Amino acid sequence: MPALARTFTGLPVIANGGLHQEAVARRVLDEGHADVLAVGTGALANPDLPRREAAGTVQAAFDPRLLEPLATLGNARAYADA
């Protein structure tokens, strides 16, 4: 998909989704599919992601509870009421 976006728009492309694995990220960049990579959940789960990749250390799995409490209207009201 990123290559199609580049072809049709001619604009820089940011690729995301599963790019916290070095081999996949390198392929996306080396093959010219994207200009920049977003590694959201991989970086949240592994704030030391570059060091882990360089050392060949196993990455921690992303835990969705890291994002709690979710930014919802209900939680905003509960916060405001507290």
PDB file of N, CA and C in Angstrom:
ATOM      1  N   MET A   1       0.797  -1.202   0.000  1.00  0.00           N
ATOM      2  CA  MET A   1       0.000   0.000   0.000  1.00  0.00           C
ATOM      3  C   MET A   1       0.842   1.270   0.000  1.00  0.00           C
ATOM      4  N   PRO A   2       1.914   1.324   0.804  1.00  0.00           N
ATOM      5  CA  PRO A   2       2.682   2.576   0.798  1.00  0.00           C
ATOM      6  C   PRO A   2       3.244   2.914  -0.587  1.00  0.00           C
ATOM      7  N   ALA A   3       3.675   1.904  -1.331  1.00  0.00           N
ATOM      8  CA  ALA A   3       4.218   2.157  -2.665  1.00  0.00           C
ATOM      9  C   ALA A   3       3.146   2.738  -3.583  1.00  0.00           C
ATOM     10  N   LEU A   4       1.918   2.265  -3.449  1.00  0.00           N
ATOM     11  CA  LEU A   4       0.821   2.819  -4.247  1.00  0.00           C
ATOM     12  C   LEU A   4       0.562   4.268  -3.879  1.00  0.00           C
ATOM     13  N   ALA A   5       0.601   4.569  -2.601  1.00  0.00           N
ATOM     14  CA  ALA A   5       0.391   5.947  -2.156  1.00  0.00           C
ATOM     15  C   ALA A   5       1.442   6.865  -2.767  1.00  0.00           C
ATOM     16  N   ARG A   6       2.677   6.418  -2.768  1.00  0.00           N
ATOM     17  CA  ARG A   6       3.753   7.234  -3.340  1.00  0.00           C
ATOM     18  C   ARG A   6       3.550   7.415  -4.841  1.00  0.00           C
ATOM     19  N   THR A   7       3.215   6.332  -5.527  1.00  0.00           N
ATOM     20  CA  THR A   7       3.034   6.372  -6.980  1.00  0.00           C
ATOM     21  C   THR A   7       1.937   7.348  -7.381  1.00  0.00           C
ATOM     22  N   PHE A   8       0.824   7.315  -6.671  1.00  0.00           N
ATOM     23  CA  PHE A   8      -0.317   8.129  -7.068  1.00  0.00           C
ATOM     24  C   PHE A   8      -0.276   9.561  -6.551  1.00  0.00           C
ATOM     25  N   THR A   9       0.436   9.806  -5.471  1.00  0.00           N
ATOM     26  CA  THR A   9       0.462  11.167  -4.924  1.00  0.00           C
ATOM     27  C   THR A   9       1.776  11.887  -5.134  1.00  0.00           C
ATOM     28  N   GLY A  10       2.873  11.129  -5.192  1.00  0.00           N
ATOM     29  CA  GLY A  10       4.184  11.739  -5.293  1.00  0.00           C
ATOM     30  C   GLY A  10       4.641  12.376  -3.986  1.00  0.00           C
ATOM     31  N   LEU A  11       3.895  12.151  -2.920  1.00  0.00           N
ATOM     32  CA  LEU A  11       4.207  12.734  -1.623  1.00  0.00           C
ATOM     33  C   LEU A  11       4.995  11.759  -0.757  1.00  0.00           C
ATOM     34  N   PRO A  12       5.695  12.261   0.261  1.00  0.00           N
ATOM     35  CA  PRO A  12       6.371  11.356   1.201  1.00  0.00           C
ATOM     36  C   PRO A  12       5.342  10.443   1.874  1.00  0.00           C
ATOM     37  N   VAL A  13       5.781   9.243   2.198  1.00  0.00           N
ATOM     38  CA  VAL A  13       4.889   8.243   2.773  1.00  0.00           C
ATOM     39  C   VAL A  13       5.398   7.802   4.136  1.00  0.00           C
ATOM     40  N   ILE A  14       4.472   7.738   5.102  1.00  0.00           N
ATOM     41  CA  ILE A  14       4.762   7.190   6.424  1.00  0.00           C
ATOM     42  C   ILE A  14       4.067   5.840   6.499  1.00  0.00           C
ATOM     43  N   ALA A  15       4.832   4.786   6.713  1.00  0.00           N
ATOM     44  CA  ALA A  15       4.270   3.444   6.829  1.00  0.00           C
ATOM     45  C   ALA A  15       4.156   3.082   8.297  1.00  0.00           C
ATOM     46  N   ASN A  16       3.119   2.315   8.637  1.00  0.00           N
ATOM     47  CA  ASN A  16       2.969   1.867  10.015  1.00  0.00           C
ATOM     48  C   ASN A  16       2.342   0.479  10.038  1.00  0.00           C
ATOM     49  N   GLY A  17       2.422  -0.149  11.193  1.00  0.00           N
ATOM     50  CA  GLY A  17       1.824  -1.460  11.371  1.00  0.00           C
ATOM     51  C   GLY A  17       2.847  -2.571  11.285  1.00  0.00           C
ATOM     52  N   GLY A  18       3.257  -3.110  12.416  1.00  0.00           N
ATOM     53  CA  GLY A  18       4.182  -4.237  12.444  1.00  0.00           C
ATOM     54  C   GLY A  18       5.606  -3.910  12.044  1.00  0.00           C
ATOM     55  N   LEU A  19       5.976  -2.654  12.096  1.00  0.00           N
ATOM     56  CA  LEU A  19       7.307  -2.255  11.632  1.00  0.00           C
ATOM     57  C   LEU A  19       8.335  -2.160  12.748  1.00  0.00           C
ATOM     58  N   HIS A  20       8.019  -2.694  13.923  1.00  0.00           N
ATOM     59  CA  HIS A  20       8.978  -2.682  15.021  1.00  0.00           C
ATOM     60  C   HIS A  20       9.996  -3.817  14.896  1.00  0.00           C
ATOM     61  N   GLN A  21       9.810  -4.715  13.931  1.00  0.00           N
ATOM     62  CA  GLN A  21      10.791  -5.763  13.651  1.00  0.00           C
ATOM     63  C   GLN A  21      11.773  -5.229  12.608  1.00  0.00           C
ATOM     64  N   GLU A  22      13.042  -5.270  12.945  1.00  0.00           N
ATOM     65  CA  GLU A  22      14.054  -4.643  12.089  1.00  0.00           C
ATOM     66  C   GLU A  22      14.027  -5.144  10.651  1.00  0.00           C
ATOM     67  N   ALA A  23      13.898  -6.441  10.445  1.00  0.00           N
ATOM     68  CA  ALA A  23      13.934  -6.988   9.083  1.00  0.00           C
ATOM     69  C   ALA A  23      12.800  -6.428   8.231  1.00  0.00           C
ATOM     70  N   VAL A  24      11.630  -6.334   8.808  1.00  0.00           N
ATOM     71  CA  VAL A  24      10.478  -5.801   8.062  1.00  0.00           C
ATOM     72  C   VAL A  24      10.673  -4.316   7.793  1.00  0.00           C
ATOM     73  N   ALA A  25      11.086  -3.584   8.807  1.00  0.00           N
ATOM     74  CA  ALA A  25      11.306  -2.147   8.655  1.00  0.00           C
ATOM     75  C   ALA A  25      12.369  -1.861   7.594  1.00  0.00           C
ATOM     76  N   ARG A  26      13.452  -2.605   7.647  1.00  0.00           N
ATOM     77  CA  ARG A  26      14.533  -2.405   6.682  1.00  0.00           C
ATOM     78  C   ARG A  26      14.054  -2.670   5.253  1.00  0.00           C
ATOM     79  N   ARG A  27      13.258  -3.710   5.081  1.00  0.00           N
ATOM     80  CA  ARG A  27      12.757  -4.044   3.737  1.00  0.00           C
ATOM     81  C   ARG A  27      11.865  -2.923   3.202  1.00  0.00           C
ATOM     82  N   VAL A  28      10.972  -2.408   4.054  1.00  0.00           N
ATOM     83  CA  VAL A  28      10.079  -1.326   3.628  1.00  0.00           C
ATOM     84  C   VAL A  28      10.885  -0.113   3.172  1.00  0.00           C
ATOM     85  N   LEU A  29      11.925   0.235   3.918  1.00  0.00           N
ATOM     86  CA  LEU A  29      12.754   1.388   3.535  1.00  0.00           C
ATOM     87  C   LEU A  29      13.641   1.083   2.344  1.00  0.00           C
ATOM     88  N   ASP A  30      14.321  -0.072   2.371  1.00  0.00           N
ATOM     89  CA  ASP A  30      15.250  -0.422   1.293  1.00  0.00           C
ATOM     90  C   ASP A  30      14.563  -0.551  -0.061  1.00  0.00           C
ATOM     91  N   GLU A  31      13.333  -1.045  -0.052  1.00  0.00           N
ATOM     92  CA  GLU A  31      12.606  -1.218  -1.307  1.00  0.00           C
ATOM     93  C   GLU A  31      11.848   0.044  -1.719  1.00  0.00           C
ATOM     94  N   GLY A  32      12.002   1.111  -0.937  1.00  0.00           N
ATOM     95  CA  GLY A  32      11.427   2.399  -1.301  1.00  0.00           C
ATOM     96  C   GLY A  32       9.925   2.503  -1.127  1.00  0.00           C
ATOM     97  N   HIS A  33       9.356   1.665  -0.275  1.00  0.00           N
ATOM     98  CA  HIS A  33       7.909   1.718  -0.068  1.00  0.00           C
ATOM     99  C   HIS A  33       7.488   2.910   0.784  1.00  0.00           C
ATOM    100  N   ALA A  34       8.379   3.391   1.635  1.00  0.00           N
ATOM    101  CA  ALA A  34       8.048   4.505   2.522  1.00  0.00           C
ATOM    102  C   ALA A  34       9.290   5.330   2.808  1.00  0.00           C
ATOM    103  N   ASP A  35       9.049   6.550   3.268  1.00  0.00           N
ATOM    104  CA  ASP A  35      10.140   7.452   3.641  1.00  0.00           C
ATOM    105  C   ASP A  35      10.410   7.424   5.139  1.00  0.00           C
ATOM    106  N   VAL A  36       9.354   7.194   5.914  1.00  0.00           N
ATOM    107  CA  VAL A  36       9.420   7.212   7.367  1.00  0.00           C
ATOM    108  C   VAL A  36       8.594   6.056   7.899  1.00  0.00           C
ATOM    109  N   LEU A  37       9.020   5.507   9.034  1.00  0.00           N
ATOM    110  CA  LEU A  37       8.279   4.417   9.664  1.00  0.00           C
ATOM    111  C   LEU A  37       7.722   4.871  11.003  1.00  0.00           C
ATOM    112  N   ALA A  38       6.518   4.424  11.320  1.00  0.00           N
ATOM    113  CA  ALA A  38       5.914   4.649  12.633  1.00  0.00           C
ATOM    114  C   ALA A  38       5.906   3.311  13.352  1.00  0.00           C
ATOM    115  N   VAL A  39       6.422   3.291  14.557  1.00  0.00           N
ATOM    116  CA  VAL A  39       6.532   2.028  15.296  1.00  0.00           C
ATOM    117  C   VAL A  39       5.739   2.071  16.601  1.00  0.00           C
ATOM    118  N   GLY A  40       4.641   2.781  16.623  1.00  0.00           N
ATOM    119  CA  GLY A  40       3.802   3.030  17.784  1.00  0.00           C
ATOM    120  C   GLY A  40       3.831   2.027  18.915  1.00  0.00           C
ATOM    121  N   THR A  41       3.083   0.920  18.787  1.00  0.00           N
ATOM    122  CA  THR A  41       2.973  -0.011  19.905  1.00  0.00           C
ATOM    123  C   THR A  41       4.299  -0.691  20.218  1.00  0.00           C
ATOM    124  N   GLY A  42       5.114  -0.929  19.215  1.00  0.00           N
ATOM    125  CA  GLY A  42       6.431  -1.525  19.459  1.00  0.00           C
ATOM    126  C   GLY A  42       7.300  -0.627  20.318  1.00  0.00           C
ATOM    127  N   ALA A  43       7.227   0.677  20.070  1.00  0.00           N
ATOM    128  CA  ALA A  43       8.014   1.629  20.854  1.00  0.00           C
ATOM    129  C   ALA A  43       7.423   1.845  22.236  1.00  0.00           C
ATOM    130  N   LEU A  44       6.097   1.809  22.350  1.00  0.00           N
ATOM    131  CA  LEU A  44       5.478   1.943  23.666  1.00  0.00           C
ATOM    132  C   LEU A  44       5.844   0.772  24.568  1.00  0.00           C
ATOM    133  N   ALA A  45       5.834  -0.420  24.004  1.00  0.00           N
ATOM    134  CA  ALA A  45       6.162  -1.622  24.785  1.00  0.00           C
ATOM    135  C   ALA A  45       7.659  -1.723  25.064  1.00  0.00           C
ATOM    136  N   ASN A  46       8.454  -1.108  24.212  1.00  0.00           N
ATOM    137  CA  ASN A  46       9.912  -1.198  24.316  1.00  0.00           C
ATOM    138  C   ASN A  46      10.524   0.179  24.132  1.00  0.00           C
ATOM    139  N   PRO A  47      10.515   1.017  25.171  1.00  0.00           N
ATOM    140  CA  PRO A  47      11.072   2.358  25.032  1.00  0.00           C
ATOM    141  C   PRO A  47      12.542   2.345  24.606  1.00  0.00           C
ATOM    142  N   ASP A  48      13.201   1.217  24.813  1.00  0.00           N
ATOM    143  CA  ASP A  48      14.593   1.054  24.418  1.00  0.00           C
ATOM    144  C   ASP A  48      14.705   0.246  23.128  1.00  0.00           C
ATOM    145  N   LEU A  49      13.720   0.369  22.262  1.00  0.00           N
ATOM    146  CA  LEU A  49      13.644  -0.435  21.035  1.00  0.00           C
ATOM    147  C   LEU A  49      14.937  -0.448  20.212  1.00  0.00           C
ATOM    148  N   PRO A  50      15.576   0.685  19.947  1.00  0.00           N
ATOM    149  CA  PRO A  50      16.827   0.635  19.168  1.00  0.00           C
ATOM    150  C   PRO A  50      17.915  -0.206  19.851  1.00  0.00           C
ATOM    151  N   ARG A  51      18.028  -0.085  21.164  1.00  0.00           N
ATOM    152  CA  ARG A  51      19.035  -0.882  21.889  1.00  0.00           C
ATOM    153  C   ARG A  51      18.710  -2.372  21.822  1.00  0.00           C
ATOM    154  N   ARG A  52      17.430  -2.704  21.970  1.00  0.00           N
ATOM    155  CA  ARG A  52      17.025  -4.111  21.896  1.00  0.00           C
ATOM    156  C   ARG A  52      17.346  -4.699  20.522  1.00  0.00           C
ATOM    157  N   GLU A  53      17.057  -3.953  19.480  1.00  0.00           N
ATOM    158  CA  GLU A  53      17.343  -4.432  18.123  1.00  0.00           C
ATOM    159  C   GLU A  53      18.845  -4.599  17.929  1.00  0.00           C
ATOM    160  N   ALA A  54      19.620  -3.619  18.364  1.00  0.00           N
ATOM    161  CA  ALA A  54      21.070  -3.691  18.197  1.00  0.00           C
ATOM    162  C   ALA A  54      21.667  -4.864  18.955  1.00  0.00           C
ATOM    163  N   ALA A  55      21.102  -5.170  20.134  1.00  0.00           N
ATOM    164  CA  ALA A  55      21.629  -6.256  20.957  1.00  0.00           C
ATOM    165  C   ALA A  55      20.998  -7.612  20.624  1.00  0.00           C
ATOM    166  N   GLY A  56      19.970  -7.614  19.781  1.00  0.00           N
ATOM    167  CA  GLY A  56      19.279  -8.855  19.471  1.00  0.00           C
ATOM    168  C   GLY A  56      18.433  -9.364  20.630  1.00  0.00           C
ATOM    169  N   THR A  57      18.045  -8.451  21.517  1.00  0.00           N
ATOM    170  CA  THR A  57      17.239  -8.799  22.684  1.00  0.00           C
ATOM    171  C   THR A  57      15.778  -8.972  22.275  1.00  0.00           C
ATOM    172  N   VAL A  58      15.103  -9.905  22.905  1.00  0.00           N
ATOM    173  CA  VAL A  58      13.689 -10.141  22.620  1.00  0.00           C
ATOM    174  C   VAL A  58      12.875  -8.917  23.037  1.00  0.00           C
ATOM    175  N   GLN A  59      11.936  -8.534  22.186  1.00  0.00           N
ATOM    176  CA  GLN A  59      11.085  -7.392  22.492  1.00  0.00           C
ATOM    177  C   GLN A  59       9.930  -7.821  23.391  1.00  0.00           C
ATOM    178  N   ALA A  60       9.544  -6.926  24.271  1.00  0.00           N
ATOM    179  CA  ALA A  60       8.371  -7.157  25.112  1.00  0.00           C
ATOM    180  C   ALA A  60       7.120  -7.012  24.255  1.00  0.00           C
ATOM    181  N   ALA A  61       6.113  -7.821  24.551  1.00  0.00           N
ATOM    182  CA  ALA A  61       4.841  -7.720  23.837  1.00  0.00           C
ATOM    183  C   ALA A  61       4.094  -6.481  24.314  1.00  0.00           C
ATOM    184  N   PHE A  62       3.323  -5.884  23.434  1.00  0.00           N
ATOM    185  CA  PHE A  62       2.527  -4.719  23.783  1.00  0.00           C
ATOM    186  C   PHE A  62       1.368  -5.143  24.680  1.00  0.00           C
ATOM    187  N   ASP A  63       1.180  -4.431  25.753  1.00  0.00           N
ATOM    188  CA  ASP A  63       0.079  -4.677  26.682  1.00  0.00           C
ATOM    189  C   ASP A  63      -0.883  -3.500  26.568  1.00  0.00           C
ATOM    190  N   PRO A  64      -2.093  -3.712  26.045  1.00  0.00           N
ATOM    191  CA  PRO A  64      -3.039  -2.605  25.866  1.00  0.00           C
ATOM    192  C   PRO A  64      -3.364  -1.856  27.154  1.00  0.00           C
ATOM    193  N   ARG A  65      -3.176  -2.496  28.304  1.00  0.00           N
ATOM    194  CA  ARG A  65      -3.445  -1.809  29.573  1.00  0.00           C
ATOM    195  C   ARG A  65      -2.517  -0.615  29.766  1.00  0.00           C
ATOM    196  N   LEU A  66      -1.435  -0.566  29.002  1.00  0.00           N
ATOM    197  CA  LEU A  66      -0.518   0.565  29.059  1.00  0.00           C
ATOM    198  C   LEU A  66      -1.228   1.875  28.723  1.00  0.00           C
ATOM    199  N   LEU A  67      -2.275   1.797  27.943  1.00  0.00           N
ATOM    200  CA  LEU A  67      -2.993   2.988  27.493  1.00  0.00           C
ATOM    201  C   LEU A  67      -4.163   3.373  28.397  1.00  0.00           C
ATOM    202  N   GLU A  68      -4.345   2.664  29.483  1.00  0.00           N
ATOM    203  CA  GLU A  68      -5.469   2.956  30.368  1.00  0.00           C
ATOM    204  C   GLU A  68      -5.109   4.027  31.378  1.00  0.00           C
ATOM    205  N   PRO A  69      -6.023   4.826  31.850  1.00  0.00           N
ATOM    206  CA  PRO A  69      -7.425   4.774  31.456  1.00  0.00           C
ATOM    207  C   PRO A  69      -7.599   5.383  30.066  1.00  0.00           C
ATOM    208  N   LEU A  70      -8.508   4.807  29.319  1.00  0.00           N
ATOM    209  CA  LEU A  70      -8.751   5.300  27.966  1.00  0.00           C
ATOM    210  C   LEU A  70      -9.347   6.700  28.007  1.00  0.00           C
ATOM    211  N   ALA A  71      -9.027   7.468  27.001  1.00  0.00           N
ATOM    212  CA  ALA A  71      -9.564   8.822  26.898  1.00  0.00           C
ATOM    213  C   ALA A  71     -10.975   8.733  26.321  1.00  0.00           C
ATOM    214  N   THR A  72     -11.947   8.581  27.214  1.00  0.00           N
ATOM    215  CA  THR A  72     -13.345   8.522  26.814  1.00  0.00           C
ATOM    216  C   THR A  72     -14.096   9.637  27.529  1.00  0.00           C
ATOM    217  N   LEU A  73     -15.294   9.934  27.044  1.00  0.00           N
ATOM    218  CA  LEU A  73     -16.096  10.965  27.702  1.00  0.00           C
ATOM    219  C   LEU A  73     -16.424  10.551  29.130  1.00  0.00           C
ATOM    220  N   GLY A  74     -16.728   9.264  29.322  1.00  0.00           N
ATOM    221  CA  GLY A  74     -17.030   8.781  30.663  1.00  0.00           C
ATOM    222  C   GLY A  74     -15.862   8.961  31.613  1.00  0.00           C
ATOM    223  N   ASN A  75     -14.666   8.628  31.171  1.00  0.00           N
ATOM    224  CA  ASN A  75     -13.485   8.793  32.022  1.00  0.00           C
ATOM    225  C   ASN A  75     -13.175  10.269  32.257  1.00  0.00           C
ATOM    226  N   ALA A  76     -13.428  11.101  31.267  1.00  0.00           N
ATOM    227  CA  ALA A  76     -13.209  12.538  31.435  1.00  0.00           C
ATOM    228  C   ALA A  76     -14.172  13.099  32.475  1.00  0.00           C
ATOM    229  N   ARG A  77     -15.422  12.636  32.423  1.00  0.00           N
ATOM    230  CA  ARG A  77     -16.399  13.091  33.425  1.00  0.00           C
ATOM    231  C   ARG A  77     -16.000  12.619  34.829  1.00  0.00           C
ATOM    232  N   ALA A  78     -15.599  11.375  34.930  1.00  0.00           N
ATOM    233  CA  ALA A  78     -15.188  10.820  36.228  1.00  0.00           C
ATOM    234  C   ALA A  78     -14.004  11.602  36.784  1.00  0.00           C
ATOM    235  N   TYR A  79     -13.066  11.971  35.910  1.00  0.00           N
ATOM    236  CA  TYR A  79     -11.893  12.756  36.335  1.00  0.00           C
ATOM    237  C   TYR A  79     -12.337  14.138  36.815  1.00  0.00           C
ATOM    238  N   ALA A  80     -13.223  14.762  36.043  1.00  0.00           N
ATOM    239  CA  ALA A  80     -13.695  16.105  36.381  1.00  0.00           C
ATOM    240  C   ALA A  80     -14.489  16.090  37.699  1.00  0.00           C
ATOM    241  N   ASP A  81     -15.236  15.013  37.936  1.00  0.00           N
ATOM    242  CA  ASP A  81     -16.039  14.906  39.149  1.00  0.00           C
ATOM    243  C   ASP A  81     -15.194  14.605  40.385  1.00  0.00           C
ATOM    244  N   ALA A  82     -14.003  14.077  40.179  1.00  0.00           N
ATOM    245  CA  ALA A  82     -13.166  13.656  41.317  1.00  0.00           C
ATOM    246  C   ALA A  82     -12.454  14.802  41.990  1.00  0.00           C
TER     247      ALA A  82
END
